[in-house]
Amino acid sequence: MGARIVTLNCWNVSEPLVERVAVIRAGLAALAPDVVAFQEIIVRDDGFDQGALLLDAARYFRVFGPAFRWDGDGGMLPHDGDGGGFGNLIGSVWPIVRSEVRRLPGGDGDEPRTAIAALLETPAGVLPVVTTHLDWERDHGCVRERQVIALDRFAREWARGGDLPPILLGDFNARPDATEMRYLRGLASLDGRSTYWQDAWEMAGAPHPGFTWDNRNRFASYAGEPNQRIDYILVGHPDDLGRGRIETAGLAFEEPSAGVYASDHYGVVADVRM
């Protein structure tokens, strides 16, 4: 069997929210993914749940993992438990057996970051999935290096509970040639450690750079950043049965509807053999 995997940074509740929600829902309907990872999702104590707006409850199970919450004055506070806040979400057409939120390292004053892991009960066996949103500052490569070491350990820990090669995906805020991404792709070592994850975009031989932060998108062009690929679907090494092989990869949510883009990021979609 195959699984279609999608990741998208949803740009929290930035306006025009209603129109963007409609674009994302239409994109999901067209793509029909089996597994969805969203970053920058907002859940509030007043009952607002961005994940519920985006994912059809009749099709998807979902689990949310907060990274931080706000105090009464609007300041950021680390969030290590359940409940509302700003964080990451995994949606699945298959039941979610269990999940865990793990805090990632960061520097003083940085926005807290977490990863969420889930085990999905697919017809082919248990699939481990981990999604995250790493530190965003351009000059914080050293922070992201610490984060990817912790992230890899976390994902490998959860992979031991699965039957299928694990999937690690999200907004890594780093280009493919950054040390933190080279580490995850098996091209560099950090702190005496090395690892290997397949980069779906690279393995599928996609014919263009795959920029997910792209100045063609008017919601991104304000920032004055160069075009870059910073969102990824990574998959563990295929097993002897070929499960985990990347079959296709491409951009998702890259086209606007009536001038409205889904987010300030484009998404990534990949088909993975299971």
C-alpha atoms as a PDB file:
ATOM      1  CA  MET A   1       0.000   0.000   0.000  1.00  0.00           C
ATOM      2  CA  GLY A   2       0.982   3.628  -0.224  1.00  0.00           C
ATOM      3  CA  ALA A   3       0.469   6.594   2.046  1.00  0.00           C
ATOM      4  CA  ARG A   4       0.134  10.201   0.972  1.00  0.00           C
ATOM      5  CA  ILE A   5       1.836  12.548   3.423  1.00  0.00           C
ATOM      6  CA  VAL A   6       1.407  16.342   3.585  1.00  0.00           C
ATOM      7  CA  THR A   7       3.026  19.030   5.725  1.00  0.00           C
ATOM      8  CA  LEU A   8       2.172  22.744   5.931  1.00  0.00           C
ATOM      9  CA  ASN A   9       3.069  25.620   8.219  1.00  0.00           C
ATOM     10  CA  CYS A  10      -0.399  27.179   8.613  1.00  0.00           C
ATOM     11  CA  TRP A  11       0.772  30.712   9.573  1.00  0.00           C
ATOM     12  CA  ASN A  12      -1.271  30.625  12.787  1.00  0.00           C
ATOM     13  CA  VAL A  13      -4.375  32.858  12.621  1.00  0.00           C
ATOM     14  CA  SER A  14      -2.934  35.516  10.327  1.00  0.00           C
ATOM     15  CA  GLU A  15      -5.482  37.293   8.156  1.00  0.00           C
ATOM     16  CA  PRO A  16      -7.321  36.694   5.943  1.00  0.00           C
ATOM     17  CA  LEU A  17      -8.021  33.656   8.134  1.00  0.00           C
ATOM     18  CA  VAL A  18     -11.474  32.682   6.867  1.00  0.00           C
ATOM     19  CA  GLU A  19     -10.332  32.744   3.251  1.00  0.00           C
ATOM     20  CA  ARG A  20      -7.113  30.864   4.053  1.00  0.00           C
ATOM     21  CA  VAL A  21      -9.021  28.149   5.917  1.00  0.00           C
ATOM     22  CA  ALA A  22     -11.169  27.658   2.821  1.00  0.00           C
ATOM     23  CA  VAL A  23      -8.053  27.386   0.614  1.00  0.00           C
ATOM     24  CA  ILE A  24      -6.447  24.827   2.926  1.00  0.00           C
ATOM     25  CA  ARG A  25      -9.613  22.735   3.153  1.00  0.00           C
ATOM     26  CA  ALA A  26      -9.984  22.774  -0.634  1.00  0.00           C
ATOM     27  CA  GLY A  27      -6.348  21.756  -1.013  1.00  0.00           C
ATOM     28  CA  LEU A  28      -6.783  18.870   1.396  1.00  0.00           C
ATOM     29  CA  ALA A  29      -9.868  17.705  -0.466  1.00  0.00           C
ATOM     30  CA  ALA A  30      -7.901  17.684  -3.727  1.00  0.00           C
ATOM     31  CA  LEU A  31      -4.797  16.013  -2.297  1.00  0.00           C
ATOM     32  CA  ALA A  32      -6.657  13.494  -0.075  1.00  0.00           C
ATOM     33  CA  PRO A  33      -3.655  12.854   2.198  1.00  0.00           C
ATOM     34  CA  ASP A  34      -3.585   9.967   4.650  1.00  0.00           C
ATOM     35  CA  VAL A  35      -1.339  11.827   7.101  1.00  0.00           C
ATOM     36  CA  VAL A  36      -1.221  15.595   7.640  1.00  0.00           C
ATOM     37  CA  ALA A  37       1.246  17.587   9.728  1.00  0.00           C
ATOM     38  CA  PHE A  38       0.472  21.217  10.505  1.00  0.00           C
ATOM     39  CA  GLN A  39       2.686  23.743  12.262  1.00  0.00           C
ATOM     40  CA  GLU A  40       1.715  27.100  13.813  1.00  0.00           C
ATOM     41  CA  ILE A  41      -1.669  25.822  14.935  1.00  0.00           C
ATOM     42  CA  ILE A  42      -3.566  27.810  17.559  1.00  0.00           C
ATOM     43  CA  VAL A  43      -5.849  26.306  20.220  1.00  0.00           C
ATOM     44  CA  ARG A  44      -7.358  28.717  22.759  1.00  0.00           C
ATOM     45  CA  ASP A  45      -9.082  28.341  26.088  1.00  0.00           C
ATOM     46  CA  ASP A  46     -12.156  30.093  24.673  1.00  0.00           C
ATOM     47  CA  GLY A  47     -12.878  27.045  22.507  1.00  0.00           C
ATOM     48  CA  PHE A  48     -11.180  28.171  19.290  1.00  0.00           C
ATOM     49  CA  ASP A  49      -9.459  25.158  17.703  1.00  0.00           C
ATOM     50  CA  GLN A  50      -7.712  25.836  14.414  1.00  0.00           C
ATOM     51  CA  GLY A  51      -7.177  22.134  13.766  1.00  0.00           C
ATOM     52  CA  ALA A  52     -10.923  21.534  13.934  1.00  0.00           C
ATOM     53  CA  LEU A  53     -11.443  24.257  11.327  1.00  0.00           C
ATOM     54  CA  LEU A  54      -8.923  22.716   8.944  1.00  0.00           C
ATOM     55  CA  LEU A  55      -9.512  18.962   9.241  1.00  0.00           C
ATOM     56  CA  ASP A  56     -12.791  17.189   8.607  1.00  0.00           C
ATOM     57  CA  ALA A  57     -13.569  15.290  11.817  1.00  0.00           C
ATOM     58  CA  ALA A  58     -15.400  12.638   9.818  1.00  0.00           C
ATOM     59  CA  ARG A  59     -12.174  11.758   7.968  1.00  0.00           C
ATOM     60  CA  TYR A  60      -9.284  12.571  10.290  1.00  0.00           C
ATOM     61  CA  PHE A  61      -8.215  11.687  13.780  1.00  0.00           C
ATOM     62  CA  ARG A  62      -5.985  14.447  15.152  1.00  0.00           C
ATOM     63  CA  VAL A  63      -3.682  15.245  18.041  1.00  0.00           C
ATOM     64  CA  PHE A  64      -2.278  18.658  18.989  1.00  0.00           C
ATOM     65  CA  GLY A  65       1.022  19.340  20.717  1.00  0.00           C
ATOM     66  CA  PRO A  66       1.506  22.861  22.136  1.00  0.00           C
ATOM     67  CA  ALA A  67       4.917  24.532  22.148  1.00  0.00           C
ATOM     68  CA  PHE A  68       4.032  27.587  24.213  1.00  0.00           C
ATOM     69  CA  ARG A  69       1.073  29.493  25.590  1.00  0.00           C
ATOM     70  CA  TRP A  70       0.461  33.102  26.491  1.00  0.00           C
ATOM     71  CA  ASP A  71       0.142  34.676  29.910  1.00  0.00           C
ATOM     72  CA  GLY A  72      -2.406  37.378  30.741  1.00  0.00           C
ATOM     73  CA  ASP A  73      -0.117  40.083  29.395  1.00  0.00           C
ATOM     74  CA  GLY A  74       0.552  38.311  26.100  1.00  0.00           C
ATOM     75  CA  GLY A  75       3.986  37.000  27.094  1.00  0.00           C
ATOM     76  CA  MET A  76       5.119  33.544  26.008  1.00  0.00           C
ATOM     77  CA  LEU A  77       5.321  30.714  28.521  1.00  0.00           C
ATOM     78  CA  PRO A  78       6.666  27.197  27.888  1.00  0.00           C
ATOM     79  CA  HIS A  79       3.908  24.630  27.640  1.00  0.00           C
ATOM     80  CA  ASP A  80       4.767  21.046  28.540  1.00  0.00           C
ATOM     81  CA  GLY A  81       1.259  19.643  28.972  1.00  0.00           C
ATOM     82  CA  ASP A  82      -2.042  19.298  27.188  1.00  0.00           C
ATOM     83  CA  GLY A  83      -4.384  22.159  26.427  1.00  0.00           C
ATOM     84  CA  GLY A  84      -4.257  25.275  24.304  1.00  0.00           C
ATOM     85  CA  GLY A  85      -1.425  27.283  22.871  1.00  0.00           C
ATOM     86  CA  PHE A  86       0.707  27.550  19.723  1.00  0.00           C
ATOM     87  CA  GLY A  87       2.074  24.302  18.358  1.00  0.00           C
ATOM     88  CA  ASN A  88       1.994  21.358  16.001  1.00  0.00           C
ATOM     89  CA  LEU A  89      -0.720  18.955  14.888  1.00  0.00           C
ATOM     90  CA  ILE A  90      -0.819  15.477  13.364  1.00  0.00           C
ATOM     91  CA  GLY A  91      -3.923  14.376  11.484  1.00  0.00           C
ATOM     92  CA  SER A  92      -4.462  10.799  10.288  1.00  0.00           C
ATOM     93  CA  VAL A  93      -7.133   8.822   8.470  1.00  0.00           C
ATOM     94  CA  TRP A  94      -6.001   5.916  10.667  1.00  0.00           C
ATOM     95  CA  PRO A  95      -6.477   5.724  14.430  1.00  0.00           C
ATOM     96  CA  ILE A  96      -3.834   7.389  16.586  1.00  0.00           C
ATOM     97  CA  VAL A  97      -2.723   4.775  19.120  1.00  0.00           C
ATOM     98  CA  ARG A  98      -0.772   7.141  21.375  1.00  0.00           C
ATOM     99  CA  SER A  99       1.179  10.383  21.233  1.00  0.00           C
ATOM    100  CA  GLU A 100       3.701  12.480  23.146  1.00  0.00           C
ATOM    101  CA  VAL A 101       4.882  16.086  23.103  1.00  0.00           C
ATOM    102  CA  ARG A 102       8.599  16.620  23.738  1.00  0.00           C
ATOM    103  CA  ARG A 103      10.207  20.000  24.401  1.00  0.00           C
ATOM    104  CA  LEU A 104      13.251  20.822  22.269  1.00  0.00           C
ATOM    105  CA  PRO A 105      16.364  22.747  23.351  1.00  0.00           C
ATOM    106  CA  GLY A 106      16.440  26.500  22.825  1.00  0.00           C
ATOM    107  CA  GLY A 107      18.341  29.599  23.760  1.00  0.00           C
ATOM    108  CA  ASP A 108      17.365  32.219  26.315  1.00  0.00           C
ATOM    109  CA  GLY A 109      14.577  34.382  24.950  1.00  0.00           C
ATOM    110  CA  ASP A 110      13.781  32.067  22.031  1.00  0.00           C
ATOM    111  CA  GLU A 111      10.241  30.985  21.307  1.00  0.00           C
ATOM    112  CA  PRO A 112       9.856  27.565  22.962  1.00  0.00           C
ATOM    113  CA  ARG A 113       9.759  24.682  20.498  1.00  0.00           C
ATOM    114  CA  THR A 114       8.392  21.150  20.762  1.00  0.00           C
ATOM    115  CA  ALA A 115       7.913  18.059  18.629  1.00  0.00           C
ATOM    116  CA  ILE A 116       4.895  15.785  18.718  1.00  0.00           C
ATOM    117  CA  ALA A 117       5.110  12.063  17.977  1.00  0.00           C
ATOM    118  CA  ALA A 118       2.232   9.700  17.233  1.00  0.00           C
ATOM    119  CA  LEU A 119       1.797   6.025  16.410  1.00  0.00           C
ATOM    120  CA  LEU A 120      -0.786   5.429  13.674  1.00  0.00           C
ATOM    121  CA  GLU A 121      -2.575   2.097  13.275  1.00  0.00           C
ATOM    122  CA  THR A 122      -2.461   1.560   9.494  1.00  0.00           C
ATOM    123  CA  PRO A 123      -3.495  -1.571   7.582  1.00  0.00           C
ATOM    124  CA  ALA A 124       0.214  -2.215   6.921  1.00  0.00           C
ATOM    125  CA  GLY A 125       1.222  -1.901  10.591  1.00  0.00           C
ATOM    126  CA  VAL A 126       2.028   0.808  13.103  1.00  0.00           C
ATOM    127  CA  LEU A 127       3.454   3.968  11.513  1.00  0.00           C
ATOM    128  CA  PRO A 128       5.512   6.365  13.699  1.00  0.00           C
ATOM    129  CA  VAL A 129       5.120  10.039  12.731  1.00  0.00           C
ATOM    130  CA  VAL A 130       6.886  13.043  14.281  1.00  0.00           C
ATOM    131  CA  THR A 131       6.367  16.679  13.343  1.00  0.00           C
ATOM    132  CA  THR A 132       8.026  19.855  14.551  1.00  0.00           C
ATOM    133  CA  HIS A 133       8.668  23.548  13.946  1.00  0.00           C
ATOM    134  CA  LEU A 134      12.268  24.536  14.664  1.00  0.00           C
ATOM    135  CA  ASP A 135      13.720  27.870  15.787  1.00  0.00           C
ATOM    136  CA  TRP A 136      13.212  30.460  13.050  1.00  0.00           C
ATOM    137  CA  GLU A 137      15.968  33.059  13.452  1.00  0.00           C
ATOM    138  CA  ARG A 138      18.390  33.060  10.518  1.00  0.00           C
ATOM    139  CA  ASP A 139      21.443  33.378  12.788  1.00  0.00           C
ATOM    140  CA  HIS A 140      20.350  30.584  15.157  1.00  0.00           C
ATOM    141  CA  GLY A 141      21.812  27.634  13.305  1.00  0.00           C
ATOM    142  CA  CYS A 142      23.534  26.597  16.533  1.00  0.00           C
ATOM    143  CA  VAL A 143      20.134  26.381  18.246  1.00  0.00           C
ATOM    144  CA  ARG A 144      18.667  24.305  15.430  1.00  0.00           C
ATOM    145  CA  GLU A 145      21.701  22.014  15.577  1.00  0.00           C
ATOM    146  CA  ARG A 146      20.881  21.213  19.201  1.00  0.00           C
ATOM    147  CA  GLN A 147      17.233  20.821  18.259  1.00  0.00           C
ATOM    148  CA  VAL A 148      17.839  18.309  15.457  1.00  0.00           C
ATOM    149  CA  ILE A 149      20.007  16.143  17.712  1.00  0.00           C
ATOM    150  CA  ALA A 150      17.168  16.000  20.255  1.00  0.00           C
ATOM    151  CA  LEU A 151      14.599  15.578  17.490  1.00  0.00           C
ATOM    152  CA  ASP A 152      16.430  12.639  15.940  1.00  0.00           C
ATOM    153  CA  ARG A 153      16.702  10.922  19.338  1.00  0.00           C
ATOM    154  CA  PHE A 154      13.002  11.476  19.965  1.00  0.00           C
ATOM    155  CA  ALA A 155      11.989  10.162  16.545  1.00  0.00           C
ATOM    156  CA  ARG A 156      14.252   7.105  16.829  1.00  0.00           C
ATOM    157  CA  GLU A 157      12.807   6.374  20.263  1.00  0.00           C
ATOM    158  CA  TRP A 158       9.291   6.401  18.849  1.00  0.00           C
ATOM    159  CA  ALA A 159      10.348   4.427  15.771  1.00  0.00           C
ATOM    160  CA  ARG A 160      11.028   1.460  18.046  1.00  0.00           C
ATOM    161  CA  GLY A 161       7.284   1.311  18.752  1.00  0.00           C
ATOM    162  CA  GLY A 162       6.354   0.977  15.082  1.00  0.00           C
ATOM    163  CA  ASP A 163       6.346  -1.611  12.315  1.00  0.00           C
ATOM    164  CA  LEU A 164       7.032   0.776   9.430  1.00  0.00           C
ATOM    165  CA  PRO A 165       9.876   3.224   8.706  1.00  0.00           C
ATOM    166  CA  PRO A 166       9.207   6.452  10.639  1.00  0.00           C
ATOM    167  CA  ILE A 167       8.250   9.777   9.107  1.00  0.00           C
ATOM    168  CA  LEU A 168       9.728  13.060  10.359  1.00  0.00           C
ATOM    169  CA  LEU A 169       8.323  16.233   8.857  1.00  0.00           C
ATOM    170  CA  GLY A 170       7.545  19.884   9.372  1.00  0.00           C
ATOM    171  CA  ASP A 171       9.003  23.371   9.194  1.00  0.00           C
ATOM    172  CA  PHE A 172      12.729  23.101   9.946  1.00  0.00           C
ATOM    173  CA  ASN A 173      13.531  26.749   9.109  1.00  0.00           C
ATOM    174  CA  ALA A 174      16.773  25.623   7.453  1.00  0.00           C
ATOM    175  CA  ARG A 175      17.903  25.149   3.872  1.00  0.00           C
ATOM    176  CA  PRO A 176      19.129  21.748   2.631  1.00  0.00           C
ATOM    177  CA  ASP A 177      22.762  22.916   2.781  1.00  0.00           C
ATOM    178  CA  ALA A 178      22.499  24.036   6.437  1.00  0.00           C
ATOM    179  CA  THR A 179      24.457  21.882   8.873  1.00  0.00           C
ATOM    180  CA  GLU A 180      21.314  20.914  10.784  1.00  0.00           C
ATOM    181  CA  MET A 181      19.664  19.552   7.627  1.00  0.00           C
ATOM    182  CA  ARG A 182      22.861  17.950   6.389  1.00  0.00           C
ATOM    183  CA  TYR A 183      22.983  16.131   9.743  1.00  0.00           C
ATOM    184  CA  LEU A 184      19.471  14.736   9.328  1.00  0.00           C
ATOM    185  CA  ARG A 185      20.210  13.769   5.715  1.00  0.00           C
ATOM    186  CA  GLY A 186      23.334  11.819   6.705  1.00  0.00           C
ATOM    187  CA  LEU A 187      25.807  14.335   5.260  1.00  0.00           C
ATOM    188  CA  ALA A 188      27.313  15.742   8.467  1.00  0.00           C
ATOM    189  CA  SER A 189      27.872  14.790  12.081  1.00  0.00           C
ATOM    190  CA  LEU A 190      27.019  16.812  15.183  1.00  0.00           C
ATOM    191  CA  ASP A 191      28.349  16.334  18.693  1.00  0.00           C
ATOM    192  CA  GLY A 192      29.936  13.028  17.682  1.00  0.00           C
ATOM    193  CA  ARG A 193      26.624  11.704  16.361  1.00  0.00           C
ATOM    194  CA  SER A 194      25.324  10.867  12.909  1.00  0.00           C
ATOM    195  CA  THR A 195      22.004   9.722  11.508  1.00  0.00           C
ATOM    196  CA  TYR A 196      20.204   9.274   8.203  1.00  0.00           C
ATOM    197  CA  TRP A 197      16.751  10.237   6.978  1.00  0.00           C
ATOM    198  CA  GLN A 198      15.629  10.172   3.369  1.00  0.00           C
ATOM    199  CA  ASP A 199      14.756  13.626   2.066  1.00  0.00           C
ATOM    200  CA  ALA A 200      11.578  12.913   0.080  1.00  0.00           C
ATOM    201  CA  TRP A 201      12.168  15.844  -2.269  1.00  0.00           C
ATOM    202  CA  GLU A 202      15.681  14.699  -3.100  1.00  0.00           C
ATOM    203  CA  MET A 203      14.816  11.001  -3.351  1.00  0.00           C
ATOM    204  CA  ALA A 204      11.918  11.649  -5.734  1.00  0.00           C
ATOM    205  CA  GLY A 205      14.221  13.576  -8.076  1.00  0.00           C
ATOM    206  CA  ALA A 206      11.913  16.571  -8.225  1.00  0.00           C
ATOM    207  CA  PRO A 207      12.884  18.773 -11.203  1.00  0.00           C
ATOM    208  CA  HIS A 208      12.882  22.200  -9.504  1.00  0.00           C
ATOM    209  CA  PRO A 209      14.275  23.646  -6.246  1.00  0.00           C
ATOM    210  CA  GLY A 210      11.092  23.124  -4.238  1.00  0.00           C
ATOM    211  CA  PHE A 211      11.110  26.483  -2.494  1.00  0.00           C
ATOM    212  CA  THR A 212       8.529  26.449   0.284  1.00  0.00           C
ATOM    213  CA  TRP A 213       9.353  30.038   1.259  1.00  0.00           C
ATOM    214  CA  ASP A 214       8.877  31.780  -2.074  1.00  0.00           C
ATOM    215  CA  ASN A 215       8.593  35.464  -2.909  1.00  0.00           C
ATOM    216  CA  ARG A 216       5.942  34.702  -5.522  1.00  0.00           C
ATOM    217  CA  ASN A 217       3.703  34.268  -2.479  1.00  0.00           C
ATOM    218  CA  ARG A 218       2.624  37.739  -1.389  1.00  0.00           C
ATOM    219  CA  PHE A 219       2.278  36.540   2.210  1.00  0.00           C
ATOM    220  CA  ALA A 220       6.008  35.688   2.204  1.00  0.00           C
ATOM    221  CA  SER A 221       7.476  38.506   0.133  1.00  0.00           C
ATOM    222  CA  TYR A 222       7.035  41.108   2.890  1.00  0.00           C
ATOM    223  CA  ALA A 223       9.882  39.544   4.892  1.00  0.00           C
ATOM    224  CA  GLY A 224      12.666  40.289   2.420  1.00  0.00           C
ATOM    225  CA  GLU A 225      14.018  36.733   2.703  1.00  0.00           C
ATOM    226  CA  PRO A 226      15.443  34.791  -0.239  1.00  0.00           C
ATOM    227  CA  ASN A 227      13.533  31.921  -1.801  1.00  0.00           C
ATOM    228  CA  GLN A 228      14.403  28.731   0.063  1.00  0.00           C
ATOM    229  CA  ARG A 229      13.331  25.170   0.824  1.00  0.00           C
ATOM    230  CA  ILE A 230      12.738  24.978   4.567  1.00  0.00           C
ATOM    231  CA  ASP A 231       9.820  22.525   4.909  1.00  0.00           C
ATOM    232  CA  TYR A 232      10.517  18.807   4.622  1.00  0.00           C
ATOM    233  CA  ILE A 233       9.166  15.290   4.597  1.00  0.00           C
ATOM    234  CA  LEU A 234      11.886  12.940   5.841  1.00  0.00           C
ATOM    235  CA  VAL A 235      11.494   9.173   5.978  1.00  0.00           C
ATOM    236  CA  GLY A 236      13.550   6.506   7.726  1.00  0.00           C
ATOM    237  CA  HIS A 237      15.569   4.013   5.713  1.00  0.00           C
ATOM    238  CA  PRO A 238      13.383   1.633   3.653  1.00  0.00           C
ATOM    239  CA  ASP A 239      13.129  -1.901   4.992  1.00  0.00           C
ATOM    240  CA  ASP A 240      13.792  -5.149   3.078  1.00  0.00           C
ATOM    241  CA  LEU A 241      10.208  -5.157   1.790  1.00  0.00           C
ATOM    242  CA  GLY A 242      10.642  -1.715   0.238  1.00  0.00           C
ATOM    243  CA  ARG A 243       8.379  -0.072   2.782  1.00  0.00           C
ATOM    244  CA  GLY A 244       9.456   3.518   3.226  1.00  0.00           C
ATOM    245  CA  ARG A 245      10.461   4.077  -0.390  1.00  0.00           C
ATOM    246  CA  ILE A 246       9.635   7.532  -1.721  1.00  0.00           C
ATOM    247  CA  GLU A 247       7.512   7.293  -4.844  1.00  0.00           C
ATOM    248  CA  THR A 248       6.651  10.944  -5.539  1.00  0.00           C
ATOM    249  CA  ALA A 249       7.179  14.354  -3.963  1.00  0.00           C
ATOM    250  CA  GLY A 250       6.015  17.833  -4.836  1.00  0.00           C
ATOM    251  CA  LEU A 251       4.808  21.171  -3.567  1.00  0.00           C
ATOM    252  CA  ALA A 252       1.338  21.568  -2.091  1.00  0.00           C
ATOM    253  CA  PHE A 253      -0.805  24.664  -1.539  1.00  0.00           C
ATOM    254  CA  GLU A 254       1.397  26.697  -3.882  1.00  0.00           C
ATOM    255  CA  GLU A 255      -1.427  28.147  -5.978  1.00  0.00           C
ATOM    256  CA  PRO A 256      -3.638  30.990  -4.700  1.00  0.00           C
ATOM    257  CA  SER A 257      -7.414  31.133  -4.908  1.00  0.00           C
ATOM    258  CA  ALA A 258      -8.722  34.589  -5.824  1.00  0.00           C
ATOM    259  CA  GLY A 259      -5.308  35.954  -4.828  1.00  0.00           C
ATOM    260  CA  VAL A 260      -5.322  34.245  -1.423  1.00  0.00           C
ATOM    261  CA  TYR A 261      -2.596  31.742  -0.565  1.00  0.00           C
ATOM    262  CA  ALA A 262      -3.091  29.038   2.042  1.00  0.00           C
ATOM    263  CA  SER A 263      -0.177  30.354   4.129  1.00  0.00           C
ATOM    264  CA  ASP A 264       3.075  32.270   3.937  1.00  0.00           C
ATOM    265  CA  HIS A 265       4.674  28.846   3.300  1.00  0.00           C
ATOM    266  CA  TYR A 266       3.987  26.341   0.559  1.00  0.00           C
ATOM    267  CA  GLY A 267       3.469  22.785   1.711  1.00  0.00           C
ATOM    268  CA  VAL A 268       5.102  19.511   0.704  1.00  0.00           C
ATOM    269  CA  VAL A 269       3.352  16.319  -0.373  1.00  0.00           C
ATOM    270  CA  ALA A 270       4.931  12.887  -0.818  1.00  0.00           C
ATOM    271  CA  ASP A 271       3.709   9.385  -1.612  1.00  0.00           C
ATOM    272  CA  VAL A 272       5.491   6.755   0.457  1.00  0.00           C
ATOM    273  CA  ARG A 273       5.288   2.980   0.028  1.00  0.00           C
ATOM    274  CA  MET A 274       3.969   1.216   3.129  1.00  0.00           C
END
